[in-house]
Amino acid sequence: MSANPTDHTVSERPQLQEPESLSTRRAVAIAILFLVVFFFAVLWSVRIFKTEERALAPQGTITVPAEIGKSQIGIVNQRLFELQLEAEQKKNQQVNRLNSYGWTDREKQIIHIPIDQAMEKLAAEGKK
């Protein structure tokens, strides 16, 4: 026989891998253990929740603050974006003011004119 490791004789067959066996009983026992631990963890968290609830509202009822339901609480706007119209209304007011005549300061007799006319007057003054 030669010392070459690639030479195989008929009697030398590679060993087959043993089939992996999973203990079903052990897997089921671990699953049941985790379910029991989970169940007791849920019971414990419910107990903590109830204790905190009793501490926050000793009479048993929590009153709803008067601010709930208002469109703005403090400086925070509470409405949905689809229902907010303030920005569009503000823009329309500004555009109307830019395109109309009106008083800026009545006491000082200062008025505003439409923006197009104001730009034309400024351009005409600049050409002189």
N, C-alpha and C. Protein backbone atom coordinates (compact mmCIF):
# COMPACT_ATOMS: atom_id res chain seq x y z
N MET A 1 0.82 -1.18 0.00
CA MET A 1 0.00 0.00 0.00
C MET A 1 0.87 1.24 0.00
N SER A 2 0.37 2.24 -0.68
CA SER A 2 1.13 3.48 -0.76
C SER A 2 0.75 4.40 0.39
N ALA A 3 1.59 5.36 0.67
CA ALA A 3 1.36 6.30 1.76
C ALA A 3 0.52 7.49 1.32
N ASN A 4 0.06 7.47 0.10
CA ASN A 4 -0.73 8.58 -0.44
C ASN A 4 -2.12 8.59 0.23
N PRO A 5 -2.54 9.72 0.84
CA PRO A 5 -3.82 9.74 1.56
C PRO A 5 -5.03 9.69 0.62
N THR A 6 -4.85 9.93 -0.65
CA THR A 6 -6.00 9.88 -1.57
C THR A 6 -6.30 8.47 -2.02
N ASP A 7 -5.44 7.56 -1.78
CA ASP A 7 -5.69 6.18 -2.15
C ASP A 7 -6.62 5.54 -1.13
N HIS A 8 -7.74 5.02 -1.61
CA HIS A 8 -8.70 4.35 -0.74
C HIS A 8 -8.84 2.92 -1.21
N THR A 9 -8.91 2.10 -0.27
CA THR A 9 -9.18 0.72 -0.63
C THR A 9 -10.66 0.50 -0.50
N VAL A 10 -11.13 -0.55 -1.01
CA VAL A 10 -12.55 -0.86 -0.99
C VAL A 10 -13.06 -1.02 0.43
N SER A 11 -12.25 -1.50 1.32
CA SER A 11 -12.70 -1.74 2.68
C SER A 11 -12.80 -0.44 3.50
N GLU A 12 -12.15 0.62 3.05
CA GLU A 12 -12.21 1.89 3.77
C GLU A 12 -13.31 2.76 3.20
N ARG A 13 -14.45 2.73 3.81
CA ARG A 13 -15.55 3.59 3.38
C ARG A 13 -15.67 4.75 4.35
N PRO A 14 -16.05 5.95 3.86
CA PRO A 14 -16.22 7.08 4.79
C PRO A 14 -17.39 6.82 5.72
N GLN A 15 -17.25 7.26 6.94
CA GLN A 15 -18.31 7.04 7.91
C GLN A 15 -19.47 7.99 7.60
N LEU A 16 -20.66 7.46 7.71
CA LEU A 16 -21.86 8.27 7.51
C LEU A 16 -22.15 9.04 8.79
N GLN A 17 -22.68 10.24 8.62
CA GLN A 17 -23.02 11.07 9.78
C GLN A 17 -24.22 10.46 10.48
N GLU A 18 -24.16 10.45 11.78
CA GLU A 18 -25.27 9.92 12.54
C GLU A 18 -26.44 10.87 12.44
N PRO A 19 -27.64 10.36 12.35
CA PRO A 19 -28.81 11.25 12.29
C PRO A 19 -28.97 12.00 13.61
N GLU A 20 -29.31 13.30 13.48
CA GLU A 20 -29.50 14.11 14.67
C GLU A 20 -30.85 13.78 15.27
N SER A 21 -30.84 13.59 16.54
CA SER A 21 -32.11 13.28 17.19
C SER A 21 -32.43 14.41 18.16
N LEU A 22 -33.63 14.90 18.06
CA LEU A 22 -34.10 15.97 18.92
C LEU A 22 -35.06 15.37 19.93
N SER A 23 -34.78 15.63 21.16
CA SER A 23 -35.62 15.08 22.21
C SER A 23 -36.92 15.89 22.27
N THR A 24 -38.00 15.27 21.83
CA THR A 24 -39.29 15.95 21.81
C THR A 24 -39.75 16.26 23.22
N ARG A 25 -39.54 15.35 24.12
CA ARG A 25 -39.96 15.57 25.50
C ARG A 25 -39.26 16.79 26.10
N ARG A 26 -37.97 16.90 25.83
CA ARG A 26 -37.21 18.02 26.36
C ARG A 26 -37.70 19.34 25.76
N ALA A 27 -37.97 19.38 24.47
CA ALA A 27 -38.46 20.59 23.81
C ALA A 27 -39.82 21.00 24.35
N VAL A 28 -40.71 20.04 24.56
CA VAL A 28 -42.03 20.32 25.10
C VAL A 28 -41.92 20.80 26.54
N ALA A 29 -41.04 20.20 27.31
CA ALA A 29 -40.86 20.61 28.70
C ALA A 29 -40.35 22.05 28.78
N ILE A 30 -39.42 22.41 27.91
CA ILE A 30 -38.89 23.78 27.89
C ILE A 30 -39.98 24.76 27.47
N ALA A 31 -40.79 24.39 26.48
CA ALA A 31 -41.88 25.26 26.03
C ALA A 31 -42.89 25.47 27.15
N ILE A 32 -43.24 24.43 27.86
CA ILE A 32 -44.19 24.55 28.97
C ILE A 32 -43.59 25.42 30.08
N LEU A 33 -42.32 25.26 30.35
CA LEU A 33 -41.65 26.07 31.36
C LEU A 33 -41.72 27.56 30.98
N PHE A 34 -41.43 27.87 29.73
CA PHE A 34 -41.50 29.26 29.29
C PHE A 34 -42.92 29.80 29.34
N LEU A 35 -43.91 29.00 29.02
CA LEU A 35 -45.31 29.45 29.12
C LEU A 35 -45.68 29.74 30.57
N VAL A 36 -45.24 28.91 31.48
CA VAL A 36 -45.54 29.13 32.90
C VAL A 36 -44.86 30.42 33.38
N VAL A 37 -43.60 30.61 33.02
CA VAL A 37 -42.88 31.83 33.39
C VAL A 37 -43.58 33.05 32.80
N PHE A 38 -44.00 32.96 31.54
CA PHE A 38 -44.70 34.06 30.89
C PHE A 38 -46.02 34.37 31.60
N PHE A 39 -46.76 33.34 31.97
CA PHE A 39 -48.04 33.52 32.66
C PHE A 39 -47.84 34.26 33.98
N PHE A 40 -46.84 33.84 34.76
CA PHE A 40 -46.60 34.52 36.04
C PHE A 40 -46.06 35.93 35.83
N ALA A 41 -45.31 36.16 34.79
CA ALA A 41 -44.83 37.52 34.49
C ALA A 41 -46.00 38.44 34.14
N VAL A 42 -46.98 37.92 33.41
CA VAL A 42 -48.17 38.71 33.07
C VAL A 42 -48.96 39.01 34.34
N LEU A 43 -49.15 38.04 35.20
CA LEU A 43 -49.85 38.27 36.46
C LEU A 43 -49.15 39.32 37.30
N TRP A 44 -47.84 39.24 37.35
CA TRP A 44 -47.05 40.19 38.12
C TRP A 44 -47.21 41.61 37.55
N SER A 45 -47.15 41.76 36.22
CA SER A 45 -47.28 43.08 35.60
C SER A 45 -48.68 43.65 35.80
N VAL A 46 -49.71 42.81 35.78
CA VAL A 46 -51.07 43.28 36.05
C VAL A 46 -51.17 43.77 37.49
N ARG A 47 -50.55 43.06 38.40
CA ARG A 47 -50.57 43.48 39.81
C ARG A 47 -49.88 44.83 39.97
N ILE A 48 -48.74 45.02 39.31
CA ILE A 48 -48.02 46.31 39.37
C ILE A 48 -48.89 47.41 38.78
N PHE A 49 -49.54 47.14 37.66
CA PHE A 49 -50.41 48.12 37.01
C PHE A 49 -51.55 48.53 37.93
N LYS A 50 -52.21 47.57 38.54
CA LYS A 50 -53.33 47.86 39.44
C LYS A 50 -52.86 48.67 40.65
N THR A 51 -51.69 48.34 41.20
CA THR A 51 -51.15 49.08 42.34
C THR A 51 -50.89 50.53 41.96
N GLU A 52 -50.28 50.75 40.80
CA GLU A 52 -50.01 52.11 40.34
C GLU A 52 -51.30 52.86 40.06
N GLU A 53 -52.28 52.19 39.50
CA GLU A 53 -53.57 52.81 39.21
C GLU A 53 -54.24 53.27 40.51
N ARG A 54 -54.20 52.43 41.54
CA ARG A 54 -54.79 52.80 42.83
C ARG A 54 -54.04 53.97 43.47
N ALA A 55 -52.74 54.02 43.27
CA ALA A 55 -51.95 55.12 43.84
C ALA A 55 -52.25 56.44 43.13
N LEU A 56 -52.50 56.40 41.83
CA LEU A 56 -52.78 57.61 41.08
C LEU A 56 -54.21 58.11 41.27
N ALA A 57 -55.14 57.20 41.44
CA ALA A 57 -56.54 57.57 41.61
C ALA A 57 -57.12 56.81 42.79
N PRO A 58 -56.91 57.32 44.01
CA PRO A 58 -57.39 56.59 45.18
C PRO A 58 -58.91 56.46 45.25
N GLN A 59 -59.66 57.41 44.67
CA GLN A 59 -61.11 57.33 44.70
C GLN A 59 -61.65 56.32 43.69
N GLY A 60 -60.84 55.89 42.79
CA GLY A 60 -61.26 54.88 41.84
C GLY A 60 -61.59 55.41 40.46
N THR A 61 -61.74 56.74 40.31
CA THR A 61 -62.04 57.29 39.00
C THR A 61 -61.01 58.37 38.67
N ILE A 62 -60.63 58.40 37.44
CA ILE A 62 -59.71 59.42 36.96
C ILE A 62 -60.52 60.40 36.12
N THR A 63 -60.48 61.67 36.48
CA THR A 63 -61.24 62.67 35.73
C THR A 63 -60.48 63.04 34.46
N VAL A 64 -61.24 63.30 33.41
CA VAL A 64 -60.66 63.68 32.14
C VAL A 64 -60.35 65.18 32.19
N PRO A 65 -59.14 65.58 31.86
CA PRO A 65 -58.80 67.01 31.90
C PRO A 65 -59.66 67.81 30.92
N ALA A 66 -59.91 69.07 31.27
CA ALA A 66 -60.77 69.94 30.44
C ALA A 66 -60.13 70.23 29.09
N GLU A 67 -58.81 70.12 28.98
CA GLU A 67 -58.13 70.44 27.73
C GLU A 67 -58.35 69.40 26.64
N ILE A 68 -58.72 68.19 27.03
CA ILE A 68 -58.90 67.12 26.06
C ILE A 68 -60.03 67.49 25.11
N GLY A 69 -59.76 67.36 23.82
CA GLY A 69 -60.75 67.68 22.80
C GLY A 69 -60.57 69.06 22.20
N LYS A 70 -59.76 69.91 22.84
CA LYS A 70 -59.51 71.24 22.29
C LYS A 70 -58.55 71.12 21.11
N SER A 71 -58.63 72.10 20.20
CA SER A 71 -57.77 72.04 19.02
C SER A 71 -56.33 72.37 19.34
N GLN A 72 -56.10 73.09 20.46
CA GLN A 72 -54.74 73.44 20.82
C GLN A 72 -54.60 73.37 22.33
N ILE A 73 -53.57 72.67 22.79
CA ILE A 73 -53.28 72.57 24.21
C ILE A 73 -51.90 73.18 24.41
N GLY A 74 -51.86 74.28 25.16
CA GLY A 74 -50.60 75.01 25.30
C GLY A 74 -50.22 75.58 23.96
N ILE A 75 -49.03 75.22 23.49
CA ILE A 75 -48.61 75.67 22.17
C ILE A 75 -48.63 74.54 21.14
N VAL A 76 -49.18 73.41 21.53
CA VAL A 76 -49.20 72.24 20.66
C VAL A 76 -50.55 72.11 19.98
N ASN A 77 -50.53 72.09 18.66
CA ASN A 77 -51.74 71.94 17.87
C ASN A 77 -52.12 70.46 17.85
N GLN A 78 -53.36 70.14 18.22
CA GLN A 78 -53.76 68.76 18.41
C GLN A 78 -54.54 68.17 17.24
N ARG A 79 -54.82 68.95 16.21
CA ARG A 79 -55.64 68.44 15.11
C ARG A 79 -54.81 67.65 14.11
N LEU A 80 -55.50 66.83 13.34
CA LEU A 80 -54.86 66.08 12.28
C LEU A 80 -54.38 67.05 11.20
N PHE A 81 -53.32 66.68 10.49
CA PHE A 81 -52.79 67.54 9.45
C PHE A 81 -53.83 67.83 8.37
N GLU A 82 -54.68 66.85 8.07
CA GLU A 82 -55.68 67.04 7.03
C GLU A 82 -56.72 68.08 7.43
N LEU A 83 -56.90 68.28 8.73
CA LEU A 83 -57.92 69.21 9.21
C LEU A 83 -57.37 70.59 9.55
N GLN A 84 -56.09 70.79 9.42
CA GLN A 84 -55.49 72.08 9.75
C GLN A 84 -55.64 73.04 8.59
N LEU A 85 -56.28 74.15 8.84
CA LEU A 85 -56.52 75.14 7.81
C LEU A 85 -55.85 76.48 8.11
N GLU A 86 -55.21 76.62 9.26
CA GLU A 86 -54.64 77.90 9.66
C GLU A 86 -53.60 78.40 8.66
N ALA A 87 -52.72 77.53 8.20
CA ALA A 87 -51.66 77.95 7.28
C ALA A 87 -52.25 78.46 5.97
N GLU A 88 -53.21 77.76 5.44
CA GLU A 88 -53.84 78.19 4.18
C GLU A 88 -54.60 79.50 4.37
N GLN A 89 -55.29 79.63 5.50
CA GLN A 89 -56.01 80.87 5.77
C GLN A 89 -55.04 82.04 5.94
N LYS A 90 -53.94 81.81 6.65
CA LYS A 90 -52.93 82.86 6.84
C LYS A 90 -52.32 83.27 5.51
N LYS A 91 -52.03 82.31 4.65
CA LYS A 91 -51.46 82.62 3.33
C LYS A 91 -52.45 83.44 2.51
N ASN A 92 -53.73 83.05 2.54
CA ASN A 92 -54.75 83.80 1.80
C ASN A 92 -54.87 85.23 2.32
N GLN A 93 -54.80 85.43 3.64
CA GLN A 93 -54.84 86.78 4.21
C GLN A 93 -53.65 87.60 3.75
N GLN A 94 -52.47 86.99 3.72
CA GLN A 94 -51.28 87.71 3.31
C GLN A 94 -51.34 88.07 1.83
N VAL A 95 -51.80 87.14 0.98
CA VAL A 95 -51.93 87.42 -0.45
C VAL A 95 -52.96 88.52 -0.68
N ASN A 96 -54.09 88.47 0.04
CA ASN A 96 -55.10 89.52 -0.09
C ASN A 96 -54.55 90.88 0.32
N ARG A 97 -53.75 90.89 1.38
CA ARG A 97 -53.16 92.16 1.83
C ARG A 97 -52.16 92.68 0.81
N LEU A 98 -51.38 91.77 0.20
CA LEU A 98 -50.41 92.21 -0.81
C LEU A 98 -51.08 92.74 -2.06
N ASN A 99 -52.30 92.32 -2.32
CA ASN A 99 -52.99 92.71 -3.54
C ASN A 99 -54.11 93.72 -3.30
N SER A 100 -54.08 94.42 -2.17
CA SER A 100 -55.17 95.36 -1.88
C SER A 100 -54.61 96.65 -1.27
N TYR A 101 -55.51 97.63 -1.17
CA TYR A 101 -55.19 98.89 -0.50
C TYR A 101 -55.63 98.79 0.95
N GLY A 102 -54.94 99.50 1.84
CA GLY A 102 -55.35 99.51 3.23
C GLY A 102 -54.43 100.35 4.09
N TRP A 103 -54.84 100.51 5.32
CA TRP A 103 -54.05 101.29 6.27
C TRP A 103 -52.99 100.41 6.92
N THR A 104 -51.79 100.93 6.99
CA THR A 104 -50.74 100.29 7.77
C THR A 104 -50.72 100.91 9.16
N ASP A 105 -50.80 102.26 9.19
CA ASP A 105 -50.88 103.00 10.46
C ASP A 105 -51.73 104.23 10.21
N ARG A 106 -52.94 104.24 10.73
CA ARG A 106 -53.89 105.34 10.51
C ARG A 106 -53.41 106.64 11.15
N GLU A 107 -52.85 106.56 12.34
CA GLU A 107 -52.41 107.76 13.04
C GLU A 107 -51.29 108.48 12.30
N LYS A 108 -50.40 107.71 11.71
CA LYS A 108 -49.27 108.30 10.98
C LYS A 108 -49.59 108.49 9.50
N GLN A 109 -50.84 108.14 9.11
CA GLN A 109 -51.29 108.28 7.73
C GLN A 109 -50.43 107.47 6.75
N ILE A 110 -50.13 106.22 7.13
CA ILE A 110 -49.34 105.33 6.28
C ILE A 110 -50.29 104.28 5.72
N ILE A 111 -50.28 104.13 4.39
CA ILE A 111 -51.14 103.15 3.73
C ILE A 111 -50.28 102.13 3.01
N HIS A 112 -50.93 101.03 2.60
CA HIS A 112 -50.23 100.07 1.73
C HIS A 112 -51.03 99.97 0.44
N ILE A 113 -50.28 99.71 -0.63
CA ILE A 113 -50.90 99.57 -1.95
C ILE A 113 -50.58 98.18 -2.48
N PRO A 114 -51.28 97.75 -3.53
CA PRO A 114 -50.98 96.42 -4.08
C PRO A 114 -49.51 96.30 -4.47
N ILE A 115 -48.96 95.12 -4.27
CA ILE A 115 -47.53 94.89 -4.47
C ILE A 115 -47.10 95.15 -5.91
N ASP A 116 -47.96 94.81 -6.88
CA ASP A 116 -47.60 95.05 -8.29
C ASP A 116 -47.41 96.53 -8.55
N GLN A 117 -48.32 97.36 -8.03
CA GLN A 117 -48.21 98.81 -8.23
C GLN A 117 -46.99 99.37 -7.50
N ALA A 118 -46.72 98.84 -6.31
CA ALA A 118 -45.56 99.30 -5.56
C ALA A 118 -44.26 98.98 -6.31
N MET A 119 -44.17 97.81 -6.90
CA MET A 119 -42.96 97.46 -7.65
C MET A 119 -42.82 98.33 -8.90
N GLU A 120 -43.94 98.60 -9.58
CA GLU A 120 -43.90 99.48 -10.76
C GLU A 120 -43.42 100.88 -10.38
N LYS A 121 -43.94 101.42 -9.27
CA LYS A 121 -43.53 102.77 -8.82
C LYS A 121 -42.06 102.77 -8.46
N LEU A 122 -41.58 101.76 -7.76
CA LEU A 122 -40.17 101.71 -7.40
C LEU A 122 -39.30 101.60 -8.66
N ALA A 123 -39.73 100.81 -9.62
CA ALA A 123 -38.96 100.67 -10.86
C ALA A 123 -38.93 102.00 -11.62
N ALA A 124 -40.06 102.72 -11.63
CA ALA A 124 -40.12 104.00 -12.32
C ALA A 124 -39.22 105.03 -11.63
N GLU A 125 -39.21 105.02 -10.28
CA GLU A 125 -38.35 105.94 -9.54
C GLU A 125 -36.88 105.62 -9.79
N GLY A 126 -36.57 104.34 -9.97
CA GLY A 126 -35.19 103.94 -10.19
C GLY A 126 -34.70 104.35 -11.57
N LYS A 127 -35.58 104.46 -12.53
CA LYS A 127 -35.19 104.87 -13.89
C LYS A 127 -34.93 106.36 -13.97
N LYS A 128 -35.49 107.17 -13.07
CA LYS A 128 -35.33 108.63 -13.12
C LYS A 128 -33.97 109.06 -12.75
